[in-house]
């Protein structure tokens, strides 16, 4: 006597995971009831219809046409095989994994931390769709097409056999080796502004960088301001043309007739002593 499969028992409905697994294995294809019955060796069409209705209510599948369904988050023409490549911007979560928003898909592609490679938050990447899991696409970053930033602030450490700068990428601390010509006049624990010149594309690759500026180790207001500017990706130096133009500006006021002159009134600033802009002040008057 032939033993019945567990999900065909007359006392139990068809388990949704059997049907969902079938759709995942055929992601990007619209399939009908007859194909599912035949491939899964099912006999009861009514039980299958009930399972399809449950999956559709959970938005794990959707009706593609009359009598045909497709895994939600895909379409029947865009995902032909796992080798189809998409392009999009990476949004990295604090936990380390990321999502890539791509044209041609109605859902963001989930990418685990190990499959991000060297991609960082905001990078424009090429991603390969690897699989569908519970109706959600998962992928692997195969190439970084454009970096969102290459300038970082890190801590210089002089070890016995190697000198490195330690930077933070996402939730990871990365050590980048420095060459002998880069460590002249540097002291242990100096704060450095660096530009990454080579990223780690393969497991055995070594990253490299060049030092843009040494901010020193004494925590001053100037250091903190330059750190904020550098982390935002801005240059710490103005172009020569801008400096030249600023030097040509006259240090005098030429439009006094359009201003109220308060220079003879005793005024007290309320800004702190270490402020860069003294633009808040008060004065006392009997009027």
C-alpha atoms as a PDB file:
ATOM      1  CA  UNK A   1       0.000   0.000   0.000  1.00  0.00           C
ATOM      2  CA  UNK A   2       1.361   3.358  -1.020  1.00  0.00           C
ATOM      3  CA  UNK A   3       2.161   5.637   1.891  1.00  0.00           C
ATOM      4  CA  UNK A   4       0.542   9.051   1.639  1.00  0.00           C
ATOM      5  CA  UNK A   5       2.670  12.177   1.968  1.00  0.00           C
ATOM      6  CA  UNK A   6       2.087  14.020   5.193  1.00  0.00           C
ATOM      7  CA  UNK A   7       0.749  17.207   3.567  1.00  0.00           C
ATOM      8  CA  UNK A   8      -1.821  15.184   1.584  1.00  0.00           C
ATOM      9  CA  UNK A   9      -3.521  13.732   4.679  1.00  0.00           C
ATOM     10  CA  UNK A  10      -7.271  14.186   4.489  1.00  0.00           C
ATOM     11  CA  UNK A  11      -7.311  15.469   8.076  1.00  0.00           C
ATOM     12  CA  UNK A  12      -4.697  18.212   7.438  1.00  0.00           C
ATOM     13  CA  UNK A  13      -4.569  21.123   5.008  1.00  0.00           C
ATOM     14  CA  UNK A  14      -1.562  21.466   2.718  1.00  0.00           C
ATOM     15  CA  UNK A  15       1.254  23.157   4.616  1.00  0.00           C
ATOM     16  CA  UNK A  16       2.031  26.601   3.247  1.00  0.00           C
ATOM     17  CA  UNK A  17       5.797  26.137   3.361  1.00  0.00           C
ATOM     18  CA  UNK A  18       5.654  23.353   0.748  1.00  0.00           C
ATOM     19  CA  UNK A  19       3.876  25.662  -1.677  1.00  0.00           C
ATOM     20  CA  UNK A  20       6.057  28.661  -0.845  1.00  0.00           C
ATOM     21  CA  UNK A  21       9.221  26.624  -1.384  1.00  0.00           C
ATOM     22  CA  UNK A  22       7.948  25.697  -4.831  1.00  0.00           C
ATOM     23  CA  UNK A  23       7.444  29.393  -5.697  1.00  0.00           C
ATOM     24  CA  UNK A  24      10.927  30.257  -4.376  1.00  0.00           C
ATOM     25  CA  UNK A  25      12.457  27.567  -6.589  1.00  0.00           C
ATOM     26  CA  UNK A  26      10.578  29.071  -9.526  1.00  0.00           C
ATOM     27  CA  UNK A  27      11.019  32.749  -8.629  1.00  0.00           C
ATOM     28  CA  UNK A  28      10.216  35.063 -11.496  1.00  0.00           C
ATOM     29  CA  UNK A  29       7.874  32.533 -13.128  1.00  0.00           C
ATOM     30  CA  UNK A  30       4.094  32.618 -13.074  1.00  0.00           C
ATOM     31  CA  UNK A  31       2.792  29.124 -12.296  1.00  0.00           C
ATOM     32  CA  UNK A  32      -0.687  27.651 -12.410  1.00  0.00           C
ATOM     33  CA  UNK A  33      -2.585  25.162 -10.272  1.00  0.00           C
ATOM     34  CA  UNK A  34      -2.046  22.224 -12.631  1.00  0.00           C
ATOM     35  CA  UNK A  35       1.716  22.745 -12.623  1.00  0.00           C
ATOM     36  CA  UNK A  36       1.812  22.839  -8.810  1.00  0.00           C
ATOM     37  CA  UNK A  37      -0.401  19.742  -8.500  1.00  0.00           C
ATOM     38  CA  UNK A  38       1.805  17.846 -10.932  1.00  0.00           C
ATOM     39  CA  UNK A  39       5.182  18.942  -9.550  1.00  0.00           C
ATOM     40  CA  UNK A  40       4.266  18.376  -5.895  1.00  0.00           C
ATOM     41  CA  UNK A  41       2.272  15.216  -6.601  1.00  0.00           C
ATOM     42  CA  UNK A  42      -0.874  16.620  -5.006  1.00  0.00           C
ATOM     43  CA  UNK A  43      -4.364  15.207  -5.539  1.00  0.00           C
ATOM     44  CA  UNK A  44      -6.703  17.724  -3.914  1.00  0.00           C
ATOM     45  CA  UNK A  45      -7.169  20.908  -5.889  1.00  0.00           C
ATOM     46  CA  UNK A  46      -9.432  22.447  -3.238  1.00  0.00           C
ATOM     47  CA  UNK A  47      -6.743  22.129  -0.551  1.00  0.00           C
ATOM     48  CA  UNK A  48      -4.182  23.705  -2.889  1.00  0.00           C
ATOM     49  CA  UNK A  49      -6.529  26.588  -3.676  1.00  0.00           C
ATOM     50  CA  UNK A  50      -6.969  27.203   0.051  1.00  0.00           C
ATOM     51  CA  UNK A  51      -3.184  27.261   0.560  1.00  0.00           C
ATOM     52  CA  UNK A  52      -2.733  29.684  -2.348  1.00  0.00           C
ATOM     53  CA  UNK A  53      -5.394  31.943  -0.877  1.00  0.00           C
ATOM     54  CA  UNK A  54      -3.605  31.988   2.498  1.00  0.00           C
ATOM     55  CA  UNK A  55      -0.266  32.845   0.902  1.00  0.00           C
ATOM     56  CA  UNK A  56      -1.909  35.582  -1.151  1.00  0.00           C
ATOM     57  CA  UNK A  57      -3.496  37.073   1.988  1.00  0.00           C
ATOM     58  CA  UNK A  58      -0.056  37.118   3.633  1.00  0.00           C
ATOM     59  CA  UNK A  59       1.244  38.936   0.518  1.00  0.00           C
ATOM     60  CA  UNK A  60       3.859  36.224  -0.055  1.00  0.00           C
ATOM     61  CA  UNK A  61       2.500  35.526  -3.543  1.00  0.00           C
ATOM     62  CA  UNK A  62       0.244  37.486  -5.881  1.00  0.00           C
ATOM     63  CA  UNK A  63      -2.070  36.625  -8.744  1.00  0.00           C
ATOM     64  CA  UNK A  64      -0.286  37.152 -12.045  1.00  0.00           C
ATOM     65  CA  UNK A  65      -3.158  36.234 -14.347  1.00  0.00           C
ATOM     66  CA  UNK A  66      -6.252  34.036 -14.307  1.00  0.00           C
ATOM     67  CA  UNK A  67      -5.270  30.772 -12.604  1.00  0.00           C
ATOM     68  CA  UNK A  68      -1.600  31.727 -12.224  1.00  0.00           C
ATOM     69  CA  UNK A  69       0.401  33.094  -9.284  1.00  0.00           C
ATOM     70  CA  UNK A  70       3.919  34.485  -8.856  1.00  0.00           C
ATOM     71  CA  UNK A  71       6.200  35.055  -5.878  1.00  0.00           C
ATOM     72  CA  UNK A  72       5.640  38.564  -4.563  1.00  0.00           C
ATOM     73  CA  UNK A  73       8.436  41.069  -5.146  1.00  0.00           C
ATOM     74  CA  UNK A  74       9.355  39.686  -8.573  1.00  0.00           C
ATOM     75  CA  UNK A  75       8.008  39.921 -12.060  1.00  0.00           C
ATOM     76  CA  UNK A  76       7.860  37.316 -14.784  1.00  0.00           C
ATOM     77  CA  UNK A  77      10.254  39.076 -17.127  1.00  0.00           C
ATOM     78  CA  UNK A  78      12.941  40.765 -15.060  1.00  0.00           C
ATOM     79  CA  UNK A  79      14.313  37.820 -13.054  1.00  0.00           C
ATOM     80  CA  UNK A  80      15.279  35.229 -15.580  1.00  0.00           C
ATOM     81  CA  UNK A  81      18.117  33.607 -13.650  1.00  0.00           C
ATOM     82  CA  UNK A  82      20.332  34.110 -10.647  1.00  0.00           C
ATOM     83  CA  UNK A  83      22.932  35.687 -12.910  1.00  0.00           C
ATOM     84  CA  UNK A  84      20.788  38.720 -13.675  1.00  0.00           C
ATOM     85  CA  UNK A  85      22.582  41.821 -12.352  1.00  0.00           C
ATOM     86  CA  UNK A  86      21.003  44.956 -10.935  1.00  0.00           C
ATOM     87  CA  UNK A  87      22.383  48.342  -9.940  1.00  0.00           C
ATOM     88  CA  UNK A  88      21.434  50.412  -6.929  1.00  0.00           C
ATOM     89  CA  UNK A  89      22.499  52.320  -3.816  1.00  0.00           C
ATOM     90  CA  UNK A  90      23.392  50.450  -0.624  1.00  0.00           C
ATOM     91  CA  UNK A  91      21.634  51.362   2.610  1.00  0.00           C
ATOM     92  CA  UNK A  92      23.591  49.736   5.443  1.00  0.00           C
ATOM     93  CA  UNK A  93      21.814  49.131   8.743  1.00  0.00           C
ATOM     94  CA  UNK A  94      23.495  49.541  12.119  1.00  0.00           C
ATOM     95  CA  UNK A  95      23.581  45.748  12.524  1.00  0.00           C
ATOM     96  CA  UNK A  96      25.847  45.456   9.452  1.00  0.00           C
ATOM     97  CA  UNK A  97      23.515  44.049   6.807  1.00  0.00           C
ATOM     98  CA  UNK A  98      22.182  46.206   3.989  1.00  0.00           C
ATOM     99  CA  UNK A  99      19.508  46.739   1.367  1.00  0.00           C
ATOM    100  CA  UNK A 100      19.961  47.706  -2.265  1.00  0.00           C
ATOM    101  CA  UNK A 101      17.179  49.610  -4.017  1.00  0.00           C
ATOM    102  CA  UNK A 102      17.151  48.522  -7.666  1.00  0.00           C
ATOM    103  CA  UNK A 103      15.109  49.343 -10.723  1.00  0.00           C
ATOM    104  CA  UNK A 104      13.092  46.409 -11.991  1.00  0.00           C
ATOM    105  CA  UNK A 105      12.226  45.059  -8.555  1.00  0.00           C
ATOM    106  CA  UNK A 106       9.334  46.055  -6.336  1.00  0.00           C
ATOM    107  CA  UNK A 107      11.306  45.142  -3.195  1.00  0.00           C
ATOM    108  CA  UNK A 108      14.739  46.156  -1.961  1.00  0.00           C
ATOM    109  CA  UNK A 109      17.340  43.393  -2.223  1.00  0.00           C
ATOM    110  CA  UNK A 110      18.557  42.232   1.183  1.00  0.00           C
ATOM    111  CA  UNK A 111      22.341  41.706   1.422  1.00  0.00           C
ATOM    112  CA  UNK A 112      23.939  40.082   4.454  1.00  0.00           C
ATOM    113  CA  UNK A 113      27.064  41.610   5.953  1.00  0.00           C
ATOM    114  CA  UNK A 114      29.366  38.944   4.496  1.00  0.00           C
ATOM    115  CA  UNK A 115      27.840  39.426   1.027  1.00  0.00           C
ATOM    116  CA  UNK A 116      28.341  43.218   1.055  1.00  0.00           C
ATOM    117  CA  UNK A 117      32.051  42.760   0.406  1.00  0.00           C
ATOM    118  CA  UNK A 118      33.735  46.165   0.615  1.00  0.00           C
ATOM    119  CA  UNK A 119      30.528  48.086  -0.129  1.00  0.00           C
ATOM    120  CA  UNK A 120      29.721  50.851   2.344  1.00  0.00           C
ATOM    121  CA  UNK A 121      26.623  52.886   3.104  1.00  0.00           C
ATOM    122  CA  UNK A 122      25.682  55.064   0.134  1.00  0.00           C
ATOM    123  CA  UNK A 123      27.849  53.237  -2.422  1.00  0.00           C
ATOM    124  CA  UNK A 124      26.426  52.657  -5.904  1.00  0.00           C
ATOM    125  CA  UNK A 125      26.837  48.928  -6.556  1.00  0.00           C
ATOM    126  CA  UNK A 126      26.127  46.048  -8.890  1.00  0.00           C
ATOM    127  CA  UNK A 127      24.240  43.253  -7.144  1.00  0.00           C
ATOM    128  CA  UNK A 128      23.371  39.703  -8.186  1.00  0.00           C
ATOM    129  CA  UNK A 129      20.059  38.206  -7.107  1.00  0.00           C
ATOM    130  CA  UNK A 130      20.915  35.015  -5.204  1.00  0.00           C
ATOM    131  CA  UNK A 131      17.577  33.672  -4.022  1.00  0.00           C
ATOM    132  CA  UNK A 132      14.054  34.453  -2.847  1.00  0.00           C
ATOM    133  CA  UNK A 133      13.305  33.801   0.810  1.00  0.00           C
ATOM    134  CA  UNK A 134       9.714  34.156   2.035  1.00  0.00           C
ATOM    135  CA  UNK A 135       8.958  36.385  -0.913  1.00  0.00           C
ATOM    136  CA  UNK A 136      11.942  38.668  -0.278  1.00  0.00           C
ATOM    137  CA  UNK A 137      14.928  38.894  -2.656  1.00  0.00           C
ATOM    138  CA  UNK A 138      18.424  38.315  -1.302  1.00  0.00           C
ATOM    139  CA  UNK A 139      21.560  39.204  -3.211  1.00  0.00           C
ATOM    140  CA  UNK A 140      25.344  39.477  -3.341  1.00  0.00           C
ATOM    141  CA  UNK A 141      27.260  42.649  -4.175  1.00  0.00           C
ATOM    142  CA  UNK A 142      29.585  41.746  -7.039  1.00  0.00           C
ATOM    143  CA  UNK A 143      31.085  45.171  -7.763  1.00  0.00           C
ATOM    144  CA  UNK A 144      31.204  48.690  -6.333  1.00  0.00           C
ATOM    145  CA  UNK A 145      30.597  51.072  -9.213  1.00  0.00           C
ATOM    146  CA  UNK A 146      31.000  54.340  -7.300  1.00  0.00           C
ATOM    147  CA  UNK A 147      32.115  55.075  -3.745  1.00  0.00           C
ATOM    148  CA  UNK A 148      30.010  57.432  -1.643  1.00  0.00           C
ATOM    149  CA  UNK A 149      33.111  58.607   0.232  1.00  0.00           C
ATOM    150  CA  UNK A 150      36.839  57.935   0.358  1.00  0.00           C
ATOM    151  CA  UNK A 151      37.918  60.420   3.052  1.00  0.00           C
ATOM    152  CA  UNK A 152      37.965  59.233   6.665  1.00  0.00           C
ATOM    153  CA  UNK A 153      39.303  60.240  10.067  1.00  0.00           C
ATOM    154  CA  UNK A 154      41.270  57.633  11.967  1.00  0.00           C
ATOM    155  CA  UNK A 155      43.700  56.988  14.809  1.00  0.00           C
ATOM    156  CA  UNK A 156      47.396  56.423  14.094  1.00  0.00           C
ATOM    157  CA  UNK A 157      49.047  53.528  15.918  1.00  0.00           C
ATOM    158  CA  UNK A 158      52.744  52.730  15.769  1.00  0.00           C
ATOM    159  CA  UNK A 159      53.188  49.026  16.514  1.00  0.00           C
ATOM    160  CA  UNK A 160      56.466  47.118  16.659  1.00  0.00           C
ATOM    161  CA  UNK A 161      56.342  45.679  13.144  1.00  0.00           C
ATOM    162  CA  UNK A 162      53.785  47.878  11.446  1.00  0.00           C
ATOM    163  CA  UNK A 163      52.230  51.319  11.505  1.00  0.00           C
ATOM    164  CA  UNK A 164      48.516  51.591  10.810  1.00  0.00           C
ATOM    165  CA  UNK A 165      45.630  53.998  10.890  1.00  0.00           C
ATOM    166  CA  UNK A 166      42.428  52.643  12.453  1.00  0.00           C
ATOM    167  CA  UNK A 167      39.155  53.835  10.957  1.00  0.00           C
ATOM    168  CA  UNK A 168      35.541  52.883  11.528  1.00  0.00           C
ATOM    169  CA  UNK A 169      33.499  51.521   8.627  1.00  0.00           C
ATOM    170  CA  UNK A 170      29.922  50.849   9.677  1.00  0.00           C
ATOM    171  CA  UNK A 171      30.189  48.754  12.830  1.00  0.00           C
ATOM    172  CA  UNK A 172      33.711  47.512  12.098  1.00  0.00           C
ATOM    173  CA  UNK A 173      37.146  48.866  13.002  1.00  0.00           C
ATOM    174  CA  UNK A 174      39.559  48.543  10.074  1.00  0.00           C
ATOM    175  CA  UNK A 175      43.348  48.766  10.220  1.00  0.00           C
ATOM    176  CA  UNK A 176      44.986  50.248   7.127  1.00  0.00           C
ATOM    177  CA  UNK A 177      48.788  49.948   6.859  1.00  0.00           C
ATOM    178  CA  UNK A 178      50.858  53.081   6.339  1.00  0.00           C
ATOM    179  CA  UNK A 179      54.065  53.206   4.345  1.00  0.00           C
ATOM    180  CA  UNK A 180      57.311  54.632   5.675  1.00  0.00           C
ATOM    181  CA  UNK A 181      56.974  57.890   3.741  1.00  0.00           C
ATOM    182  CA  UNK A 182      53.539  58.457   5.281  1.00  0.00           C
ATOM    183  CA  UNK A 183      54.611  58.218   8.924  1.00  0.00           C
ATOM    184  CA  UNK A 184      57.194  60.983   9.035  1.00  0.00           C
ATOM    185  CA  UNK A 185      56.619  63.325  11.997  1.00  0.00           C
ATOM    186  CA  UNK A 186      53.687  61.201  13.209  1.00  0.00           C
ATOM    187  CA  UNK A 187      53.282  60.229  16.857  1.00  0.00           C
ATOM    188  CA  UNK A 188      51.356  57.364  18.377  1.00  0.00           C
ATOM    189  CA  UNK A 189      47.653  58.198  18.840  1.00  0.00           C
ATOM    190  CA  UNK A 190      47.687  61.121  16.399  1.00  0.00           C
ATOM    191  CA  UNK A 191      44.343  61.745  14.703  1.00  0.00           C
ATOM    192  CA  UNK A 192      44.709  61.565  10.921  1.00  0.00           C
ATOM    193  CA  UNK A 193      42.599  62.550   7.943  1.00  0.00           C
ATOM    194  CA  UNK A 194      43.214  59.954   5.237  1.00  0.00           C
ATOM    195  CA  UNK A 195      41.997  59.115   1.753  1.00  0.00           C
ATOM    196  CA  UNK A 196      41.568  55.456   0.841  1.00  0.00           C
ATOM    197  CA  UNK A 197      43.375  54.754  -2.423  1.00  0.00           C
ATOM    198  CA  UNK A 198      42.769  51.000  -2.591  1.00  0.00           C
ATOM    199  CA  UNK A 199      39.828  49.055  -1.181  1.00  0.00           C
ATOM    200  CA  UNK A 200      39.716  45.423  -0.143  1.00  0.00           C
ATOM    201  CA  UNK A 201      37.920  43.698  -3.003  1.00  0.00           C
ATOM    202  CA  UNK A 202      39.106  40.152  -2.235  1.00  0.00           C
ATOM    203  CA  UNK A 203      39.787  38.395   1.104  1.00  0.00           C
ATOM    204  CA  UNK A 204      43.579  38.583   0.687  1.00  0.00           C
ATOM    205  CA  UNK A 205      43.664  42.196  -0.543  1.00  0.00           C
ATOM    206  CA  UNK A 206      45.236  44.899   1.615  1.00  0.00           C
ATOM    207  CA  UNK A 207      43.754  48.342   1.779  1.00  0.00           C
ATOM    208  CA  UNK A 208      45.983  51.376   1.295  1.00  0.00           C
ATOM    209  CA  UNK A 209      45.612  55.085   1.902  1.00  0.00           C
ATOM    210  CA  UNK A 210      47.405  58.414   1.864  1.00  0.00           C
ATOM    211  CA  UNK A 211      47.574  60.880   4.746  1.00  0.00           C
ATOM    212  CA  UNK A 212      45.886  64.186   3.978  1.00  0.00           C
ATOM    213  CA  UNK A 213      46.457  65.920   7.304  1.00  0.00           C
ATOM    214  CA  UNK A 214      47.651  65.193  10.813  1.00  0.00           C
ATOM    215  CA  UNK A 215      45.257  66.790  13.306  1.00  0.00           C
ATOM    216  CA  UNK A 216      47.513  65.929  16.256  1.00  0.00           C
ATOM    217  CA  UNK A 217      46.473  64.348  19.536  1.00  0.00           C
ATOM    218  CA  UNK A 218      45.504  67.378  21.630  1.00  0.00           C
ATOM    219  CA  UNK A 219      41.726  67.693  21.604  1.00  0.00           C
ATOM    220  CA  UNK A 220      41.024  71.327  20.782  1.00  0.00           C
ATOM    221  CA  UNK A 221      38.040  73.140  19.306  1.00  0.00           C
ATOM    222  CA  UNK A 222      39.923  73.472  16.004  1.00  0.00           C
ATOM    223  CA  UNK A 223      40.619  69.725  15.922  1.00  0.00           C
ATOM    224  CA  UNK A 224      37.000  68.807  16.567  1.00  0.00           C
ATOM    225  CA  UNK A 225      35.750  71.232  13.907  1.00  0.00           C
ATOM    226  CA  UNK A 226      38.206  69.892  11.332  1.00  0.00           C
ATOM    227  CA  UNK A 227      37.203  66.328  12.269  1.00  0.00           C
ATOM    228  CA  UNK A 228      33.538  67.108  11.607  1.00  0.00           C
ATOM    229  CA  UNK A 229      34.398  68.743   8.277  1.00  0.00           C
ATOM    230  CA  UNK A 230      36.629  65.843   7.191  1.00  0.00           C
ATOM    231  CA  UNK A 231      34.088  63.161   8.187  1.00  0.00           C
ATOM    232  CA  UNK A 232      31.491  64.934   6.058  1.00  0.00           C
ATOM    233  CA  UNK A 233      33.824  64.614   3.071  1.00  0.00           C
ATOM    234  CA  UNK A 234      34.728  68.273   2.692  1.00  0.00           C
ATOM    235  CA  UNK A 235      38.215  69.534   1.938  1.00  0.00           C
ATOM    236  CA  UNK A 236      40.129  71.069   4.847  1.00  0.00           C
ATOM    237  CA  UNK A 237      41.768  73.646   2.587  1.00  0.00           C
ATOM    238  CA  UNK A 238      40.205  76.278   0.369  1.00  0.00           C
ATOM    239  CA  UNK A 239      41.209  76.453  -3.306  1.00  0.00           C
ATOM    240  CA  UNK A 240      43.983  78.959  -4.090  1.00  0.00           C
ATOM    241  CA  UNK A 241      41.577  81.118  -6.104  1.00  0.00           C
ATOM    242  CA  UNK A 242      39.226  81.444  -3.106  1.00  0.00           C
ATOM    243  CA  UNK A 243      42.096  82.370  -0.766  1.00  0.00           C
ATOM    244  CA  UNK A 244      43.358  84.967  -3.247  1.00  0.00           C
ATOM    245  CA  UNK A 245      39.905  86.534  -3.554  1.00  0.00           C
ATOM    246  CA  UNK A 246      39.436  86.672   0.231  1.00  0.00           C
ATOM    247  CA  UNK A 247      42.772  88.479   0.626  1.00  0.00           C
ATOM    248  CA  UNK A 248      41.637  91.178  -1.798  1.00  0.00           C
ATOM    249  CA  UNK A 249      38.574  92.082   0.300  1.00  0.00           C
ATOM    250  CA  UNK A 250      38.920  95.495   1.968  1.00  0.00           C
ATOM    251  CA  UNK A 251      38.852  95.502   5.773  1.00  0.00           C
ATOM    252  CA  UNK A 252      36.511  98.482   5.978  1.00  0.00           C
ATOM    253  CA  UNK A 253      32.785  99.276   5.939  1.00  0.00           C
ATOM    254  CA  UNK A 254      31.616 101.176   2.874  1.00  0.00           C
ATOM    255  CA  UNK A 255      27.843 101.235   3.437  1.00  0.00           C
ATOM    256  CA  UNK A 256      27.514 103.001   6.796  1.00  0.00           C
ATOM    257  CA  UNK A 257      24.669 105.089   5.421  1.00  0.00           C
ATOM    258  CA  UNK A 258      22.576 101.909   5.172  1.00  0.00           C
ATOM    259  CA  UNK A 259      23.361 100.650   8.696  1.00  0.00           C
ATOM    260  CA  UNK A 260      22.592 101.663  12.280  1.00  0.00           C
ATOM    261  CA  UNK A 261      25.842 102.464  14.060  1.00  0.00           C
ATOM    262  CA  UNK A 262      26.083 100.936  17.549  1.00  0.00           C
ATOM    263  CA  UNK A 263      29.846 101.246  17.933  1.00  0.00           C
ATOM    264  CA  UNK A 264      29.590 103.845  20.728  1.00  0.00           C
ATOM    265  CA  UNK A 265      27.259 101.639  22.806  1.00  0.00           C
ATOM    266  CA  UNK A 266      28.860  99.352  25.396  1.00  0.00           C
ATOM    267  CA  UNK A 267      27.885  95.813  24.396  1.00  0.00           C
ATOM    268  CA  UNK A 268      28.628  92.473  26.102  1.00  0.00           C
ATOM    269  CA  UNK A 269      28.862  89.233  24.206  1.00  0.00           C
ATOM    270  CA  UNK A 270      26.994  86.238  25.599  1.00  0.00           C
ATOM    271  CA  UNK A 271      28.940  83.736  23.477  1.00  0.00           C
ATOM    272  CA  UNK A 272      31.421  81.447  25.301  1.00  0.00           C
ATOM    273  CA  UNK A 273      35.097  82.366  25.291  1.00  0.00           C
ATOM    274  CA  UNK A 274      35.956  79.561  22.836  1.00  0.00           C
ATOM    275  CA  UNK A 275      33.252  80.500  20.303  1.00  0.00           C
ATOM    276  CA  UNK A 276      34.266  81.025  16.685  1.00  0.00           C
ATOM    277  CA  UNK A 277      31.511  83.556  15.912  1.00  0.00           C
ATOM    278  CA  UNK A 278      30.740  86.296  18.428  1.00  0.00           C
ATOM    279  CA  UNK A 279      27.301  87.075  17.074  1.00  0.00           C
ATOM    280  CA  UNK A 280      25.138  87.146  20.222  1.00  0.00           C
ATOM    281  CA  UNK A 281      25.382  90.191  22.498  1.00  0.00           C
ATOM    282  CA  UNK A 282      23.344  92.415  24.829  1.00  0.00           C
ATOM    283  CA  UNK A 283      23.485  96.000  26.076  1.00  0.00           C
ATOM    284  CA  UNK A 284      21.673  97.903  28.835  1.00  0.00           C
ATOM    285  CA  UNK A 285      19.809 101.135  28.203  1.00  0.00           C
ATOM    286  CA  UNK A 286      17.744 103.489  30.388  1.00  0.00           C
ATOM    287  CA  UNK A 287      15.307 104.105  27.578  1.00  0.00           C
END
